[in-house]
Protein backbone atom coordinates (compact mmCIF):
# COMPACT_ATOMS: atom_id res chain seq x y z
CA UNK A 1 74.42 14.15 79.46
CA UNK A 2 71.51 15.95 77.83
CA UNK A 3 72.47 15.92 74.04
CA UNK A 4 70.12 19.16 73.67
CA UNK A 5 71.72 20.78 76.60
CA UNK A 6 73.94 24.21 75.79
CA UNK A 7 74.97 25.79 78.99
CA UNK A 8 77.28 23.92 81.58
CA UNK A 9 78.51 24.73 84.91
CA UNK A 10 82.05 23.59 85.19
CA UNK A 11 83.93 23.53 88.80
CA UNK A 12 87.63 24.94 88.03
CA UNK A 13 90.24 23.91 90.49
CA UNK A 14 93.17 26.23 89.26
CA UNK A 15 95.77 24.02 91.12
CA UNK A 16 99.20 24.61 92.60
CA UNK A 17 102.67 25.59 90.92
CA UNK A 18 102.13 26.18 87.16
CA UNK A 19 98.20 25.03 87.46
CA UNK A 20 96.66 28.65 87.52
CA UNK A 21 98.64 29.88 84.54
CA UNK A 22 97.67 26.90 82.30
CA UNK A 23 94.19 26.50 83.46
CA UNK A 24 93.75 30.09 82.68
CA UNK A 25 94.48 29.78 79.06
CA UNK A 26 92.93 26.43 78.65
CA UNK A 27 89.57 28.04 79.75
CA UNK A 28 89.74 30.86 77.69
CA UNK A 29 90.31 28.05 74.81
CA UNK A 30 87.04 26.57 75.95
CA UNK A 31 85.23 29.82 76.25
CA UNK A 32 86.28 30.84 72.51
CA UNK A 33 85.15 27.26 71.03
CA UNK A 34 82.09 27.48 73.08
CA UNK A 35 80.95 30.53 71.69
CA UNK A 36 81.91 29.72 68.21
CA UNK A 37 79.37 26.38 69.00
CA UNK A 38 76.52 28.46 70.48
CA UNK A 39 77.28 27.23 73.73
CA UNK A 40 77.79 28.70 77.07
CA UNK A 41 79.85 27.67 80.09
CA UNK A 42 79.64 28.95 83.41
CA UNK A 43 82.88 28.69 85.24
CA UNK A 44 83.02 28.22 89.27
CA UNK A 45 86.40 28.53 90.57
CA UNK A 46 86.76 25.82 93.62
CA UNK A 47 89.66 25.98 96.05
CA UNK A 48 91.35 22.78 96.36
CA UNK A 49 95.14 21.48 96.20
CA UNK A 50 98.26 22.12 98.51
CA UNK A 51 97.62 25.91 98.98
CA UNK A 52 94.01 24.86 100.17
CA UNK A 53 95.48 22.28 102.61
CA UNK A 54 97.79 24.96 104.08
CA UNK A 55 94.86 27.41 104.48
CA UNK A 56 92.00 24.97 105.83
CA UNK A 57 93.95 21.69 106.74
CA UNK A 58 91.95 20.10 104.14
CA UNK A 59 92.98 19.42 100.57
CA UNK A 60 89.44 19.46 99.49
CA UNK A 61 87.28 20.87 101.76
CA UNK A 62 83.68 19.80 102.22
CA UNK A 63 82.35 22.74 100.62
CA UNK A 64 84.48 22.53 97.56
CA UNK A 65 83.51 18.69 97.42
CA UNK A 66 79.90 20.10 97.10
CA UNK A 67 80.67 22.42 94.40
CA UNK A 68 82.22 20.18 92.37
CA UNK A 69 79.19 17.74 92.90
CA UNK A 70 76.73 20.23 91.89
CA UNK A 71 78.79 21.16 88.22
CA UNK A 72 78.40 19.02 84.95
CA UNK A 73 82.22 18.85 85.12
CA UNK A 74 85.38 19.18 86.87
CA UNK A 75 88.27 20.86 85.29
CA UNK A 76 91.17 20.38 87.52
CA UNK A 77 94.56 21.64 87.11
CA UNK A 78 97.76 20.04 88.62
CA UNK A 79 97.81 20.03 92.43
CA UNK A 80 100.08 19.17 95.03
CA UNK A 81 103.56 20.67 96.15
CA UNK A 82 106.86 19.06 97.44
CA UNK A 83 107.02 20.64 100.85
CA UNK A 84 103.63 20.76 101.74
CA UNK A 85 103.04 17.24 103.55
CA UNK A 86 100.71 15.24 105.54
CA UNK A 87 101.90 14.06 109.10
CA UNK A 88 102.70 10.64 107.79
CA UNK A 89 105.04 12.12 104.82
CA UNK A 90 102.92 11.80 101.75
CA UNK A 91 102.12 15.06 99.90
CA UNK A 92 99.13 16.77 101.38
CA UNK A 93 97.57 18.54 98.12
CA UNK A 94 97.15 15.28 95.95
CA UNK A 95 93.40 14.94 95.08
CA UNK A 96 93.24 11.77 92.77
CA UNK A 97 92.36 9.31 95.52
CA UNK A 98 89.86 11.75 96.71
CA UNK A 99 88.09 12.41 93.63
CA UNK A 100 88.39 9.02 92.27
CA UNK A 101 87.21 6.81 95.07
CA UNK A 102 84.72 9.35 96.47
CA UNK A 103 83.12 10.09 93.65
CA UNK A 104 83.37 6.56 91.91
CA UNK A 105 85.25 7.57 88.92
CA UNK A 106 85.97 4.20 87.64
CA UNK A 107 87.58 4.98 84.32
CA UNK A 108 90.75 6.50 83.67
CA UNK A 109 91.15 7.57 80.17
CA UNK A 110 94.30 8.44 78.60
CA UNK A 111 94.54 9.17 74.76
CA UNK A 112 98.26 8.45 73.10
CA UNK A 113 98.31 10.49 70.04
CA UNK A 114 101.45 11.72 67.98
CA UNK A 115 100.75 14.62 66.54
CA UNK A 116 102.65 16.07 63.30
CA UNK A 117 106.14 17.63 63.88
CA UNK A 118 106.57 16.14 67.50
CA UNK A 119 109.58 14.74 68.49
CA UNK A 120 109.55 11.26 69.26
CA UNK A 121 111.78 8.87 71.24
CA UNK A 122 110.73 6.23 68.65
CA UNK A 123 112.61 5.88 65.39
CA UNK A 124 111.03 6.40 62.17
CA UNK A 125 107.41 7.17 63.67
CA UNK A 126 104.93 9.39 62.04
CA UNK A 127 101.60 10.56 63.23
CA UNK A 128 99.19 7.78 62.75
CA UNK A 129 101.30 5.25 63.61
CA UNK A 130 100.62 5.95 67.54
CA UNK A 131 96.90 6.67 68.04
CA UNK A 132 95.32 4.58 70.86
CA UNK A 133 93.64 5.29 74.24
CA UNK A 134 94.56 3.87 77.65
CA UNK A 135 91.59 2.63 79.70
CA UNK A 136 92.64 2.17 83.17
CA UNK A 137 90.71 0.73 85.91
CA UNK A 138 90.50 3.62 88.51
CA UNK A 139 88.85 2.62 91.89
CA UNK A 140 90.54 -1.17 92.67
CA UNK A 141 93.45 -2.99 91.90
CA UNK A 142 96.73 -2.51 93.59
CA UNK A 143 95.83 1.28 94.52
CA UNK A 144 92.99 -0.08 96.32
CA UNK A 145 95.54 -0.34 98.96
CA UNK A 146 96.23 3.21 99.17
CA UNK A 147 96.43 4.18 102.91
CA UNK A 148 95.61 0.79 104.00
CA UNK A 149 99.12 -1.26 103.49
CA UNK A 150 100.14 -3.47 106.60
CA UNK A 151 103.84 -3.17 108.18
CA UNK A 152 104.90 -5.70 110.24
CA UNK A 153 105.47 -4.76 113.90
CA UNK A 154 109.24 -5.97 113.45
CA UNK A 155 109.54 -3.25 110.65
CA UNK A 156 111.04 -6.02 108.29
CA UNK A 157 108.06 -6.42 105.97
CA UNK A 158 105.13 -4.95 104.60
CA UNK A 159 101.99 -5.80 102.45
CA UNK A 160 99.18 -4.02 100.08
CA UNK A 161 96.51 -6.04 98.78
CA UNK A 162 95.58 -6.25 94.98
CA UNK A 163 92.09 -6.31 94.76
CA UNK A 164 89.90 -6.98 91.30
CA UNK A 165 86.27 -7.79 91.91
CA UNK A 166 83.67 -8.80 89.14
CA UNK A 167 81.45 -5.89 89.11
CA UNK A 168 84.78 -3.42 88.80
CA UNK A 169 86.13 -5.66 86.11
CA UNK A 170 82.86 -5.78 84.02
CA UNK A 171 82.40 -2.13 84.30
CA UNK A 172 85.74 -0.92 83.02
CA UNK A 173 86.02 -3.85 80.31
CA UNK A 174 82.53 -3.14 78.81
CA UNK A 175 83.77 0.73 78.76
CA UNK A 176 86.40 -0.26 76.88
CA UNK A 177 84.61 -2.36 73.86
CA UNK A 178 82.07 0.77 73.74
CA UNK A 179 85.06 3.14 73.51
CA UNK A 180 86.36 1.20 70.57
CA UNK A 181 82.98 1.29 68.77
CA UNK A 182 83.03 5.27 69.53
CA UNK A 183 86.36 5.76 68.13
CA UNK A 184 87.36 5.52 64.36
CA UNK A 185 90.11 3.39 64.81
CA UNK A 186 91.09 -0.54 64.43
CA UNK A 187 87.98 -1.61 66.58
CA UNK A 188 90.66 -3.48 68.68
CA UNK A 189 90.50 -4.07 72.46
CA UNK A 190 93.90 -5.33 74.14
CA UNK A 191 93.55 -6.83 77.58
CA UNK A 192 96.45 -6.15 79.49
CA UNK A 193 97.17 -8.52 82.49
CA UNK A 194 99.71 -10.56 84.51
CA UNK A 195 97.14 -13.86 84.19
CA UNK A 196 100.23 -16.11 83.88
CA UNK A 197 101.19 -15.41 87.47
CA UNK A 198 98.61 -14.21 89.61
CA UNK A 199 94.96 -15.37 90.14
CA UNK A 200 93.54 -11.81 90.06
CA UNK A 201 94.67 -11.22 86.72
CA UNK A 202 93.61 -14.71 85.33
CA UNK A 203 90.17 -13.48 86.86
CA UNK A 204 90.41 -10.16 85.03
CA UNK A 205 90.93 -11.76 81.74
CA UNK A 206 88.26 -14.53 82.15
CA UNK A 207 85.57 -11.88 82.72
CA UNK A 208 87.22 -9.82 79.58
CA UNK A 209 86.50 -12.99 77.43
CA UNK A 210 82.95 -13.19 78.43
CA UNK A 211 82.29 -9.60 78.13
CA UNK A 212 83.78 -9.76 74.30
CA UNK A 213 81.18 -12.22 73.32
CA UNK A 214 78.60 -9.17 73.40
CA UNK A 215 80.83 -7.54 71.08
CA UNK A 216 81.57 -9.62 67.75
CA UNK A 217 82.57 -6.39 65.82
CA UNK A 218 85.27 -5.76 67.88
CA UNK A 219 88.86 -7.59 67.50
CA UNK A 220 90.57 -8.89 71.00
CA UNK A 221 93.79 -8.85 71.60
CA UNK A 222 95.86 -10.07 74.99
CA UNK A 223 99.27 -9.25 76.22
CA UNK A 224 100.86 -9.74 79.61
CA UNK A 225 102.01 -6.61 81.19
CA UNK A 226 106.18 -6.85 80.48
CA UNK A 227 105.18 -8.06 76.36
CA UNK A 228 102.89 -4.99 76.30
CA UNK A 229 105.60 -2.39 77.54
CA UNK A 230 107.96 -3.89 74.84
CA UNK A 231 105.01 -3.76 72.27
CA UNK A 232 104.20 0.13 72.98
CA UNK A 233 108.01 0.83 72.08
CA UNK A 234 108.34 -1.78 69.30
CA UNK A 235 104.83 -1.66 67.53
CA UNK A 236 102.66 1.02 68.79
CA UNK A 237 100.73 0.58 65.52
CA UNK A 238 99.14 -2.31 67.34
CA UNK A 239 97.23 -0.66 69.77
CA UNK A 240 93.78 0.93 69.51
CA UNK A 241 92.01 0.46 72.95
CA UNK A 242 93.64 -0.91 76.04
CA UNK A 243 92.18 -1.91 78.93
CA UNK A 244 94.15 -2.92 82.34
CA UNK A 245 94.46 -2.59 86.02
CA UNK A 246 94.54 0.46 87.86
CA UNK A 247 98.82 0.35 88.50
CA UNK A 248 99.92 -1.29 85.37
CA UNK A 249 97.55 1.33 83.56
CA UNK A 250 99.29 4.22 85.49
CA UNK A 251 102.69 2.87 84.37
CA UNK A 252 101.80 2.30 80.77
CA UNK A 253 100.20 5.33 80.07
CA UNK A 254 103.06 7.14 81.05
CA UNK A 255 105.56 5.16 78.98
CA UNK A 256 102.73 5.82 75.81
CA UNK A 257 103.24 9.25 76.90
CA UNK A 258 107.10 9.00 76.27
CA UNK A 259 106.59 8.16 72.69
CA UNK A 260 104.60 10.74 71.71
CA UNK A 261 106.68 14.10 73.34
CA UNK A 262 106.12 13.43 76.86
CA UNK A 263 103.20 13.81 79.36
CA UNK A 264 102.99 17.50 78.50
CA UNK A 265 101.03 16.22 75.31
CA UNK A 266 98.62 14.12 77.36
CA UNK A 267 95.41 14.62 79.21
CA UNK A 268 93.32 12.60 81.12
CA UNK A 269 89.54 12.00 81.99
CA UNK A 270 88.27 10.36 85.03
CA UNK A 271 84.86 9.10 84.32
CA UNK A 272 82.12 7.56 86.60
CA UNK A 273 78.29 7.18 86.29
CA UNK A 274 77.37 10.72 87.79
CA UNK A 275 81.00 12.74 88.04
CA UNK A 276 83.98 13.16 86.00
CA UNK A 277 87.03 15.26 86.08
CA UNK A 278 89.77 16.53 83.33
CA UNK A 279 93.09 17.14 84.01
CA UNK A 280 96.89 17.57 82.63
CA UNK A 281 98.24 14.63 83.69
CA UNK A 282 101.80 16.06 84.67
CA UNK A 283 102.57 17.69 88.24
CA UNK A 284 102.70 21.32 89.48
CA UNK A 285 106.13 22.32 88.39
CA UNK A 286 106.48 24.87 91.06
CA UNK A 287 109.90 25.92 89.70
CA UNK A 288 108.23 27.34 86.37
CA UNK A 289 105.38 29.05 88.36
CA UNK A 290 105.04 32.59 87.62
CA UNK A 291 107.43 32.29 84.60
CA UNK A 292 105.03 32.22 81.71
CA UNK A 293 107.08 29.24 80.18
CA UNK A 294 104.75 26.39 81.08
CA UNK A 295 103.47 24.33 78.31
CA UNK A 296 99.58 24.40 78.45
CA UNK A 297 98.93 21.52 75.78
CA UNK A 298 97.80 18.88 78.12
CA UNK A 299 95.47 21.27 79.66
CA UNK A 300 93.70 22.29 76.54
CA UNK A 301 93.58 18.56 75.43
CA UNK A 302 91.69 17.84 78.66
CA UNK A 303 89.53 20.56 77.44
CA UNK A 304 88.80 18.50 74.43
CA UNK A 305 87.95 15.49 76.38
CA UNK A 306 85.26 17.45 78.54
CA UNK A 307 83.65 18.62 75.50
CA UNK A 308 83.50 14.99 74.38
CA UNK A 309 82.13 14.06 77.79
CA UNK A 310 79.58 16.84 77.48
CA UNK A 311 78.32 15.44 74.36
CA UNK A 312 79.52 18.10 72.16
CA UNK A 313 81.52 15.83 69.62
CA UNK A 314 81.75 18.36 66.94
CA UNK A 315 83.05 21.34 68.77
CA UNK A 316 85.52 18.88 70.17
CA UNK A 317 86.65 17.60 66.81
CA UNK A 318 87.11 21.37 65.79
CA UNK A 319 89.44 22.14 68.80
CA UNK A 320 91.42 18.76 67.97
CA UNK A 321 91.49 19.89 64.16
CA UNK A 322 93.06 23.48 65.47
CA UNK A 323 95.66 21.76 67.60
CA UNK A 324 96.58 19.53 65.07
CA UNK A 325 96.80 22.26 62.46
CA UNK A 326 98.89 24.34 64.91
CA UNK A 327 101.44 21.59 64.87
CA UNK A 328 101.06 20.70 61.21
CA UNK A 329 102.29 24.85 60.69
CA UNK A 330 104.83 24.52 63.43
CA UNK A 331 102.89 27.44 65.34
CA UNK A 332 103.99 24.72 68.25
CA UNK A 333 107.31 23.65 68.31
CA UNK A 334 108.20 20.88 71.09
CA UNK A 335 111.66 20.21 72.34
CA UNK A 336 113.00 16.64 72.36
CA UNK A 337 112.18 16.10 76.11
CA UNK A 338 108.35 17.68 75.60
CA UNK A 339 108.73 21.14 76.49
CA UNK A 340 107.70 23.87 74.68
CA UNK A 341 110.11 26.64 72.77
CA UNK A 342 107.14 29.31 73.09
CA UNK A 343 105.57 30.47 76.15
CA UNK A 344 102.52 29.88 77.84
CA UNK A 345 100.35 32.34 76.03
CA UNK A 346 102.08 31.79 72.57
CA UNK A 347 100.90 28.11 72.69
CA UNK A 348 97.34 29.08 73.14
CA UNK A 349 97.06 31.99 70.92
CA UNK A 350 98.81 29.63 68.32
CA UNK A 351 95.56 27.42 68.93
CA UNK A 352 93.18 30.25 69.11
CA UNK A 353 94.24 31.45 65.75
CA UNK A 354 93.55 28.23 64.41
CA UNK A 355 90.20 28.30 65.75
CA UNK A 356 89.08 31.92 64.65
CA UNK A 357 90.09 30.68 60.75
CA UNK A 358 87.07 28.19 61.22
CA UNK A 359 84.78 30.12 62.83
């Protein structure tokens, strides 16, 4: 991204269920923080998701994909509805695979950070104890078999292939080390694998060791995935940046989310060499749609990630401070299950007030 750029085009996918509600308030926050930072954002609404599938027979029509490619970034709400299915029985509105593989978005980045006054399932943990980032390889691993698994003609067995390549491993591992340099954390990258059992993960670990030699300023750490799951609960302060295969990263990032108040406080970035999209990582929750009670925090946190990607670190940091101060002041109160006591608008307004105070 051009560091001097001040005008951006964002392709906005409102999504399904609660998606339009939380994306609306999140984009309002984006416009507020942008105007304070002398930035301008042109928001272009793009049709995609389950309702789009019902309308066109395609969850991501060619013209929608083309508009996404023309934008500086994609801001996506949760998509998919339980009752909207493909002929094979899978959900028709899910876009992750379409974007990640279609646009080669090889990085999935999910910050795991405990904010003040947020209930956590971990006893005696305070903000600062949990502050790490999951860097998940996004295009290969076991999920590369999506849609390509083989079922035996007998119907008694099925197989999916776990694919790990040198090129795919090198770029995601290098991204993890660069992320450790960018952060103000412990400057540590933890390699999570199952190299004691599977050759593919032994291969991944070997590549990690090779690349680590280029980063003598970054500490390295190694854990098998089962040990990592335990450590996320017992010693979360151990982690700064974690890098791992696609499915392991999917599972462990949700476990990490459970330690900081649930996935409603988690946002995700999907980044490649030429494109990127940003999203709340939770589902579309159609049962809550239209009630004004959906928690928009994940979407607002996704805005912060998008600002960082667009080389606007100062503006992103200001938004982060506003979110944190709203938690400190208890203007945002989360229940133990991660849901919000206030409604959608109230949470957005609490953050907006903090932004106004620092203008």
